[in-house]
């Protein structure tokens, strides 16, 4: 999960979190459209999954959470 400058949370999947964060922050053509109006600030949460299918299922579940529930998830990881 990536937090924007204004505090919004973006959830996605990748095989290389640091590379993907760099793309979101520094390369508008490769970064998600989500960050065009509110730049990516920092990676605040990540999980490892054994395969793309389980990562995609978890991504979908996280995206359904409320903002508060996502903040609680982030807090529980620290």
PDB file of N, CA and C in Angstrom:
ATOM      1  N   UNK A   1       0.851  -1.165   0.000  1.00  0.00           N
ATOM      2  CA  UNK A   1       0.000   0.000   0.000  1.00  0.00           C
ATOM      3  C   UNK A   1       0.903   1.235   0.000  1.00  0.00           C
ATOM      4  N   UNK A   2       0.569   2.166  -0.846  1.00  0.00           N
ATOM      5  CA  UNK A   2       1.335   3.401  -0.961  1.00  0.00           C
ATOM      6  C   UNK A   2       0.459   4.550  -0.490  1.00  0.00           C
ATOM      7  N   UNK A   3       1.030   5.402   0.333  1.00  0.00           N
ATOM      8  CA  UNK A   3       0.324   6.583   0.803  1.00  0.00           C
ATOM      9  C   UNK A   3       0.700   7.770  -0.069  1.00  0.00           C
ATOM     10  N   UNK A   4      -0.298   8.569  -0.422  1.00  0.00           N
ATOM     11  CA  UNK A   4      -0.045   9.770  -1.210  1.00  0.00           C
ATOM     12  C   UNK A   4       0.327  10.931  -0.293  1.00  0.00           C
ATOM     13  N   UNK A   5       0.720  12.021  -0.885  1.00  0.00           N
ATOM     14  CA  UNK A   5       1.091  13.222  -0.144  1.00  0.00           C
ATOM     15  C   UNK A   5      -0.065  13.685   0.747  1.00  0.00           C
ATOM     16  N   UNK A   6      -1.306  13.548   0.263  1.00  0.00           N
ATOM     17  CA  UNK A   6      -2.464  14.009   1.040  1.00  0.00           C
ATOM     18  C   UNK A   6      -3.017  12.956   1.999  1.00  0.00           C
ATOM     19  N   UNK A   7      -2.437  11.739   1.987  1.00  0.00           N
ATOM     20  CA  UNK A   7      -2.880  10.704   2.919  1.00  0.00           C
ATOM     21  C   UNK A   7      -3.795   9.643   2.335  1.00  0.00           C
ATOM     22  N   UNK A   8      -4.094   9.711   1.040  1.00  0.00           N
ATOM     23  CA  UNK A   8      -4.886   8.655   0.414  1.00  0.00           C
ATOM     24  C   UNK A   8      -4.034   7.393   0.328  1.00  0.00           C
ATOM     25  N   UNK A   9      -4.707   6.233   0.256  1.00  0.00           N
ATOM     26  CA  UNK A   9      -3.993   4.959   0.194  1.00  0.00           C
ATOM     27  C   UNK A   9      -4.276   4.259  -1.126  1.00  0.00           C
ATOM     28  N   UNK A  10      -3.232   3.769  -1.758  1.00  0.00           N
ATOM     29  CA  UNK A  10      -3.310   3.048  -3.026  1.00  0.00           C
ATOM     30  C   UNK A  10      -2.859   1.621  -2.794  1.00  0.00           C
ATOM     31  N   UNK A  11      -3.628   0.667  -3.274  1.00  0.00           N
ATOM     32  CA  UNK A  11      -3.279  -0.743  -3.126  1.00  0.00           C
ATOM     33  C   UNK A  11      -3.060  -1.358  -4.499  1.00  0.00           C
ATOM     34  N   UNK A  12      -1.971  -2.092  -4.645  1.00  0.00           N
ATOM     35  CA  UNK A  12      -1.676  -2.768  -5.898  1.00  0.00           C
ATOM     36  C   UNK A  12      -0.774  -3.955  -5.643  1.00  0.00           C
ATOM     37  N   UNK A  13      -0.479  -4.716  -6.699  1.00  0.00           N
ATOM     38  CA  UNK A  13       0.443  -5.843  -6.564  1.00  0.00           C
ATOM     39  C   UNK A  13       1.625  -5.664  -7.506  1.00  0.00           C
ATOM     40  N   UNK A  14       2.749  -6.235  -7.103  1.00  0.00           N
ATOM     41  CA  UNK A  14       3.970  -6.167  -7.910  1.00  0.00           C
ATOM     42  C   UNK A  14       4.942  -7.230  -7.428  1.00  0.00           C
ATOM     43  N   UNK A  15       5.887  -7.585  -8.268  1.00  0.00           N
ATOM     44  CA  UNK A  15       6.948  -8.510  -7.866  1.00  0.00           C
ATOM     45  C   UNK A  15       8.144  -7.773  -7.294  1.00  0.00           C
ATOM     46  N   UNK A  16       8.154  -6.438  -7.459  1.00  0.00           N
ATOM     47  CA  UNK A  16       9.277  -5.623  -6.988  1.00  0.00           C
ATOM     48  C   UNK A  16       8.741  -4.305  -6.406  1.00  0.00           C
ATOM     49  N   UNK A  17       8.399  -4.303  -5.108  1.00  0.00           N
ATOM     50  CA  UNK A  17       7.787  -3.115  -4.508  1.00  0.00           C
ATOM     51  C   UNK A  17       8.611  -1.835  -4.633  1.00  0.00           C
ATOM     52  N   UNK A  18       9.918  -1.911  -4.450  1.00  0.00           N
ATOM     53  CA  UNK A  18      10.731  -0.698  -4.522  1.00  0.00           C
ATOM     54  C   UNK A  18      10.760  -0.121  -5.927  1.00  0.00           C
ATOM     55  N   UNK A  19      10.884  -0.981  -6.933  1.00  0.00           N
ATOM     56  CA  UNK A  19      10.852  -0.515  -8.321  1.00  0.00           C
ATOM     57  C   UNK A  19       9.510   0.132  -8.632  1.00  0.00           C
ATOM     58  N   UNK A  20       8.431  -0.498  -8.175  1.00  0.00           N
ATOM     59  CA  UNK A  20       7.095   0.026  -8.469  1.00  0.00           C
ATOM     60  C   UNK A  20       6.851   1.368  -7.790  1.00  0.00           C
ATOM     61  N   UNK A  21       7.311   1.506  -6.549  1.00  0.00           N
ATOM     62  CA  UNK A  21       7.186   2.788  -5.860  1.00  0.00           C
ATOM     63  C   UNK A  21       7.953   3.862  -6.626  1.00  0.00           C
ATOM     64  N   UNK A  22       9.148   3.534  -7.076  1.00  0.00           N
ATOM     65  CA  UNK A  22       9.953   4.480  -7.851  1.00  0.00           C
ATOM     66  C   UNK A  22       9.211   4.895  -9.126  1.00  0.00           C
ATOM     67  N   UNK A  23       8.557   3.941  -9.793  1.00  0.00           N
ATOM     68  CA  UNK A  23       7.785   4.274 -11.000  1.00  0.00           C
ATOM     69  C   UNK A  23       6.636   5.217 -10.658  1.00  0.00           C
ATOM     70  N   UNK A  24       5.930   4.930  -9.567  1.00  0.00           N
ATOM     71  CA  UNK A  24       4.819   5.792  -9.159  1.00  0.00           C
ATOM     72  C   UNK A  24       5.304   7.205  -8.840  1.00  0.00           C
ATOM     73  N   UNK A  25       6.465   7.304  -8.221  1.00  0.00           N
ATOM     74  CA  UNK A  25       6.973   8.608  -7.797  1.00  0.00           C
ATOM     75  C   UNK A  25       7.646   9.396  -8.914  1.00  0.00           C
ATOM     76  N   UNK A  26       8.312   8.697  -9.836  1.00  0.00           N
ATOM     77  CA  UNK A  26       9.201   9.392 -10.766  1.00  0.00           C
ATOM     78  C   UNK A  26       8.918   9.216 -12.250  1.00  0.00           C
ATOM     79  N   UNK A  27       7.963   8.375 -12.603  1.00  0.00           N
ATOM     80  CA  UNK A  27       7.731   8.121 -14.019  1.00  0.00           C
ATOM     81  C   UNK A  27       6.236   8.064 -14.312  1.00  0.00           C
ATOM     82  N   UNK A  28       5.627   9.194 -14.627  1.00  0.00           N
ATOM     83  CA  UNK A  28       4.175   9.243 -14.856  1.00  0.00           C
ATOM     84  C   UNK A  28       3.670   8.258 -15.920  1.00  0.00           C
ATOM     85  N   UNK A  29       4.511   7.924 -16.891  1.00  0.00           N
ATOM     86  CA  UNK A  29       4.078   6.999 -17.938  1.00  0.00           C
ATOM     87  C   UNK A  29       3.985   5.569 -17.416  1.00  0.00           C
ATOM     88  N   UNK A  30       4.810   5.206 -16.435  1.00  0.00           N
ATOM     89  CA  UNK A  30       4.788   3.856 -15.881  1.00  0.00           C
ATOM     90  C   UNK A  30       3.984   3.770 -14.581  1.00  0.00           C
ATOM     91  N   UNK A  31       3.907   4.877 -13.861  1.00  0.00           N
ATOM     92  CA  UNK A  31       3.168   4.901 -12.597  1.00  0.00           C
ATOM     93  C   UNK A  31       1.670   4.881 -12.827  1.00  0.00           C
ATOM     94  N   UNK A  32       0.924   4.530 -11.786  1.00  0.00           N
ATOM     95  CA  UNK A  32      -0.530   4.478 -11.872  1.00  0.00           C
ATOM     96  C   UNK A  32      -1.131   5.871 -12.082  1.00  0.00           C
ATOM     97  N   UNK A  33      -2.201   5.920 -12.828  1.00  0.00           N
ATOM     98  CA  UNK A  33      -2.917   7.168 -13.087  1.00  0.00           C
ATOM     99  C   UNK A  33      -3.395   7.807 -11.777  1.00  0.00           C
ATOM    100  N   UNK A  34      -3.655   6.968 -10.777  1.00  0.00           N
ATOM    101  CA  UNK A  34      -4.095   7.395  -9.445  1.00  0.00           C
ATOM    102  C   UNK A  34      -3.219   8.517  -8.888  1.00  0.00           C
ATOM    103  N   UNK A  35      -1.925   8.477  -9.187  1.00  0.00           N
ATOM    104  CA  UNK A  35      -0.966   9.417  -8.598  1.00  0.00           C
ATOM    105  C   UNK A  35      -0.773  10.705  -9.398  1.00  0.00           C
ATOM    106  N   UNK A  36      -1.499  10.880 -10.462  1.00  0.00           N
ATOM    107  CA  UNK A  36      -1.303  12.080 -11.280  1.00  0.00           C
ATOM    108  C   UNK A  36      -1.768  13.344 -10.585  1.00  0.00           C
ATOM    109  N   UNK A  37      -2.810  13.241  -9.759  1.00  0.00           N
ATOM    110  CA  UNK A  37      -3.305  14.436  -9.067  1.00  0.00           C
ATOM    111  C   UNK A  37      -2.846  14.500  -7.611  1.00  0.00           C
ATOM    112  N   UNK A  38      -2.304  13.399  -7.109  1.00  0.00           N
ATOM    113  CA  UNK A  38      -1.874  13.330  -5.713  1.00  0.00           C
ATOM    114  C   UNK A  38      -0.645  12.401  -5.664  1.00  0.00           C
ATOM    115  N   UNK A  39       0.554  12.965  -5.667  1.00  0.00           N
ATOM    116  CA  UNK A  39       1.769  12.162  -5.811  1.00  0.00           C
ATOM    117  C   UNK A  39       1.982  11.096  -4.722  1.00  0.00           C
ATOM    118  N   UNK A  40       2.596  10.001  -5.138  1.00  0.00           N
ATOM    119  CA  UNK A  40       2.960   8.929  -4.209  1.00  0.00           C
ATOM    120  C   UNK A  40       4.009   9.451  -3.243  1.00  0.00           C
ATOM    121  N   UNK A  41       3.825   9.145  -1.971  1.00  0.00           N
ATOM    122  CA  UNK A  41       4.760   9.602  -0.956  1.00  0.00           C
ATOM    123  C   UNK A  41       5.646   8.460  -0.459  1.00  0.00           C
ATOM    124  N   UNK A  42       5.037   7.423   0.127  1.00  0.00           N
ATOM    125  CA  UNK A  42       5.832   6.356   0.721  1.00  0.00           C
ATOM    126  C   UNK A  42       5.070   5.042   0.755  1.00  0.00           C
ATOM    127  N   UNK A  43       5.813   3.949   0.781  1.00  0.00           N
ATOM    128  CA  UNK A  43       5.229   2.620   0.946  1.00  0.00           C
ATOM    129  C   UNK A  43       4.920   2.457   2.433  1.00  0.00           C
ATOM    130  N   UNK A  44       3.665   2.156   2.753  1.00  0.00           N
ATOM    131  CA  UNK A  44       3.278   2.055   4.159  1.00  0.00           C
ATOM    132  C   UNK A  44       2.927   0.636   4.590  1.00  0.00           C
ATOM    133  N   UNK A  45       2.710  -0.266   3.628  1.00  0.00           N
ATOM    134  CA  UNK A  45       2.331  -1.632   3.993  1.00  0.00           C
ATOM    135  C   UNK A  45       2.593  -2.561   2.816  1.00  0.00           C
ATOM    136  N   UNK A  46       3.074  -3.765   3.132  1.00  0.00           N
ATOM    137  CA  UNK A  46       3.221  -4.783   2.094  1.00  0.00           C
ATOM    138  C   UNK A  46       3.131  -6.172   2.698  1.00  0.00           C
ATOM    139  N   UNK A  47       2.689  -7.101   1.893  1.00  0.00           N
ATOM    140  CA  UNK A  47       2.585  -8.503   2.271  1.00  0.00           C
ATOM    141  C   UNK A  47       3.238  -9.340   1.177  1.00  0.00           C
ATOM    142  N   UNK A  48       3.808 -10.450   1.566  1.00  0.00           N
ATOM    143  CA  UNK A  48       4.358 -11.401   0.601  1.00  0.00           C
ATOM    144  C   UNK A  48       3.336 -12.505   0.357  1.00  0.00           C
ATOM    145  N   UNK A  49       3.206 -12.929  -0.901  1.00  0.00           N
ATOM    146  CA  UNK A  49       2.293 -14.011  -1.258  1.00  0.00           C
ATOM    147  C   UNK A  49       3.023 -14.991  -2.163  1.00  0.00           C
ATOM    148  N   UNK A  50       2.664 -16.267  -2.082  1.00  0.00           N
ATOM    149  CA  UNK A  50       3.389 -17.297  -2.841  1.00  0.00           C
ATOM    150  C   UNK A  50       3.167 -17.240  -4.353  1.00  0.00           C
ATOM    151  N   UNK A  51       2.046 -16.638  -4.782  1.00  0.00           N
ATOM    152  CA  UNK A  51       1.766 -16.582  -6.219  1.00  0.00           C
ATOM    153  C   UNK A  51       0.867 -15.397  -6.539  1.00  0.00           C
ATOM    154  N   UNK A  52       0.751 -15.111  -7.814  1.00  0.00           N
ATOM    155  CA  UNK A  52      -0.025 -13.949  -8.263  1.00  0.00           C
ATOM    156  C   UNK A  52      -1.506 -14.086  -7.917  1.00  0.00           C
ATOM    157  N   UNK A  53      -2.027 -15.295  -7.991  1.00  0.00           N
ATOM    158  CA  UNK A  53      -3.450 -15.501  -7.706  1.00  0.00           C
ATOM    159  C   UNK A  53      -3.791 -15.124  -6.271  1.00  0.00           C
ATOM    160  N   UNK A  54      -2.989 -15.561  -5.326  1.00  0.00           N
ATOM    161  CA  UNK A  54      -3.281 -15.228  -3.927  1.00  0.00           C
ATOM    162  C   UNK A  54      -3.040 -13.741  -3.661  1.00  0.00           C
ATOM    163  N   UNK A  55      -2.057 -13.162  -4.328  1.00  0.00           N
ATOM    164  CA  UNK A  55      -1.807 -11.722  -4.185  1.00  0.00           C
ATOM    165  C   UNK A  55      -2.988 -10.924  -4.729  1.00  0.00           C
ATOM    166  N   UNK A  56      -3.533 -11.344  -5.845  1.00  0.00           N
ATOM    167  CA  UNK A  56      -4.671 -10.642  -6.442  1.00  0.00           C
ATOM    168  C   UNK A  56      -5.914 -10.736  -5.561  1.00  0.00           C
ATOM    169  N   UNK A  57      -6.126 -11.894  -4.961  1.00  0.00           N
ATOM    170  CA  UNK A  57      -7.272 -12.064  -4.057  1.00  0.00           C
ATOM    171  C   UNK A  57      -7.124 -11.163  -2.833  1.00  0.00           C
ATOM    172  N   UNK A  58      -5.916 -11.107  -2.291  1.00  0.00           N
ATOM    173  CA  UNK A  58      -5.677 -10.269  -1.111  1.00  0.00           C
ATOM    174  C   UNK A  58      -5.807  -8.789  -1.473  1.00  0.00           C
ATOM    175  N   UNK A  59      -5.308  -8.399  -2.641  1.00  0.00           N
ATOM    176  CA  UNK A  59      -5.438  -7.016  -3.105  1.00  0.00           C
ATOM    177  C   UNK A  59      -6.914  -6.630  -3.173  1.00  0.00           C
ATOM    178  N   UNK A  60      -7.741  -7.496  -3.744  1.00  0.00           N
ATOM    179  CA  UNK A  60      -9.172  -7.217  -3.855  1.00  0.00           C
ATOM    180  C   UNK A  60      -9.809  -7.061  -2.479  1.00  0.00           C
ATOM    181  N   UNK A  61      -9.409  -7.908  -1.533  1.00  0.00           N
ATOM    182  CA  UNK A  61      -9.956  -7.838  -0.172  1.00  0.00           C
ATOM    183  C   UNK A  61      -9.549  -6.529   0.511  1.00  0.00           C
ATOM    184  N   UNK A  62      -8.303  -6.135   0.339  1.00  0.00           N
ATOM    185  CA  UNK A  62      -7.831  -4.891   0.954  1.00  0.00           C
ATOM    186  C   UNK A  62      -8.532  -3.691   0.341  1.00  0.00           C
ATOM    187  N   UNK A  63      -8.736  -3.699  -0.957  1.00  0.00           N
ATOM    188  CA  UNK A  63      -9.400  -2.578  -1.621  1.00  0.00           C
ATOM    189  C   UNK A  63     -10.828  -2.384  -1.131  1.00  0.00           C
ATOM    190  N   UNK A  64     -11.454  -3.437  -0.632  1.00  0.00           N
ATOM    191  CA  UNK A  64     -12.823  -3.343  -0.110  1.00  0.00           C
ATOM    192  C   UNK A  64     -12.879  -2.770   1.297  1.00  0.00           C
ATOM    193  N   UNK A  65     -11.756  -2.707   1.979  1.00  0.00           N
ATOM    194  CA  UNK A  65     -11.722  -2.194   3.342  1.00  0.00           C
ATOM    195  C   UNK A  65     -11.955  -0.686   3.369  1.00  0.00           C
ATOM    196  N   UNK A  66     -12.485  -0.207   4.473  1.00  0.00           N
ATOM    197  CA  UNK A  66     -12.634   1.234   4.669  1.00  0.00           C
ATOM    198  C   UNK A  66     -11.245   1.835   4.892  1.00  0.00           C
ATOM    199  N   UNK A  67     -11.158   3.151   4.784  1.00  0.00           N
ATOM    200  CA  UNK A  67      -9.880   3.830   5.022  1.00  0.00           C
ATOM    201  C   UNK A  67      -9.391   3.550   6.444  1.00  0.00           C
ATOM    202  N   UNK A  68     -10.297   3.583   7.405  1.00  0.00           N
ATOM    203  CA  UNK A  68      -9.926   3.316   8.789  1.00  0.00           C
ATOM    204  C   UNK A  68      -9.403   1.893   8.954  1.00  0.00           C
ATOM    205  N   UNK A  69     -10.053   0.934   8.327  1.00  0.00           N
ATOM    206  CA  UNK A  69      -9.607  -0.462   8.420  1.00  0.00           C
ATOM    207  C   UNK A  69      -8.214  -0.630   7.795  1.00  0.00           C
ATOM    208  N   UNK A  70      -7.957   0.099   6.717  1.00  0.00           N
ATOM    209  CA  UNK A  70      -6.630   0.047   6.103  1.00  0.00           C
ATOM    210  C   UNK A  70      -5.587   0.645   7.035  1.00  0.00           C
ATOM    211  N   UNK A  71      -5.925   1.752   7.692  1.00  0.00           N
ATOM    212  CA  UNK A  71      -5.000   2.344   8.664  1.00  0.00           C
ATOM    213  C   UNK A  71      -4.726   1.391   9.823  1.00  0.00           C
ATOM    214  N   UNK A  72      -5.767   0.673  10.284  1.00  0.00           N
ATOM    215  CA  UNK A  72      -5.596  -0.311  11.356  1.00  0.00           C
ATOM    216  C   UNK A  72      -4.675  -1.451  10.899  1.00  0.00           C
ATOM    217  N   UNK A  73      -4.814  -1.872   9.654  1.00  0.00           N
ATOM    218  CA  UNK A  73      -3.944  -2.917   9.099  1.00  0.00           C
ATOM    219  C   UNK A  73      -2.492  -2.454   9.073  1.00  0.00           C
ATOM    220  N   UNK A  74      -2.280  -1.245   8.633  1.00  0.00           N
ATOM    221  CA  UNK A  74      -0.930  -0.662   8.603  1.00  0.00           C
ATOM    222  C   UNK A  74      -0.356  -0.597  10.010  1.00  0.00           C
ATOM    223  N   UNK A  75      -1.164  -0.116  10.941  1.00  0.00           N
ATOM    224  CA  UNK A  75      -0.735   0.022  12.341  1.00  0.00           C
ATOM    225  C   UNK A  75      -0.381  -1.331  12.951  1.00  0.00           C
ATOM    226  N   UNK A  76      -1.144  -2.371  12.627  1.00  0.00           N
ATOM    227  CA  UNK A  76      -0.914  -3.702  13.196  1.00  0.00           C
ATOM    228  C   UNK A  76       0.400  -4.323  12.700  1.00  0.00           C
ATOM    229  N   UNK A  77       0.883  -3.843  11.571  1.00  0.00           N
ATOM    230  CA  UNK A  77       2.133  -4.385  11.003  1.00  0.00           C
ATOM    231  C   UNK A  77       3.374  -3.750  11.620  1.00  0.00           C
ATOM    232  N   UNK A  78       3.192  -2.676  12.367  1.00  0.00           N
ATOM    233  CA  UNK A  78       4.350  -1.968  12.935  1.00  0.00           C
ATOM    234  C   UNK A  78       4.542  -2.270  14.381  1.00  0.00           C
TER     235      UNK A  78
END
